[in-house]
Amino acid sequence: MIRQIIDLARNARGTLAEDLAGVAALTVLILGALHLPGLT
């Protein structure tokens, strides 16, 4: 799924796909951080 997002970001010439990929990456990092103990 992450590969698909990266491929879309690479294939798109606009910035929309790149922004979506960035938001998706940040969301994953934030959710991961929230699920790890002691990082708050």
Protein backbone atom coordinates (compact mmCIF):
# COMPACT_ATOMS: atom_id res chain seq x y z
CA MET A 1 0.00 0.00 0.00
CA ILE A 2 2.84 2.36 0.83
CA ARG A 3 4.54 1.43 -2.44
CA GLN A 4 1.38 2.34 -4.33
CA ILE A 5 1.30 5.77 -2.68
CA ILE A 6 4.98 6.33 -3.49
CA ASP A 7 4.45 5.23 -7.09
CA LEU A 8 1.49 7.60 -7.42
CA ALA A 9 3.56 10.44 -6.00
CA ARG A 10 6.37 9.71 -8.45
CA ASN A 11 4.08 9.39 -11.46
CA ALA A 12 2.09 12.53 -10.70
CA ARG A 13 3.60 15.74 -12.04
CA GLY A 14 1.49 17.90 -9.73
CA THR A 15 1.98 18.30 -6.00
CA LEU A 16 -1.37 16.81 -4.97
CA ALA A 17 -0.16 13.20 -4.92
CA GLU A 18 3.01 14.24 -3.11
CA ASP A 19 0.98 16.09 -0.50
CA LEU A 20 -1.30 13.07 -0.04
CA ALA A 21 1.73 10.80 0.33
CA GLY A 22 3.21 13.18 2.90
CA VAL A 23 -0.03 13.31 4.87
CA ALA A 24 -0.30 9.52 4.76
CA ALA A 25 3.29 9.15 5.98
CA LEU A 26 2.74 11.66 8.80
CA THR A 27 -0.48 9.90 9.80
CA VAL A 28 1.32 6.56 10.00
CA LEU A 29 4.13 8.08 12.04
CA ILE A 30 1.72 9.84 14.40
CA LEU A 31 -0.43 6.74 14.91
CA GLY A 32 2.70 4.65 15.43
CA ALA A 33 4.04 7.12 17.99
CA LEU A 34 0.72 7.15 19.86
CA HIS A 35 0.79 3.36 20.09
CA LEU A 36 4.35 3.28 21.42
CA PRO A 37 4.67 3.81 25.19
CA GLY A 38 6.77 6.59 26.63
CA LEU A 39 7.00 8.83 23.57
CA THR A 40 4.59 11.54 24.70
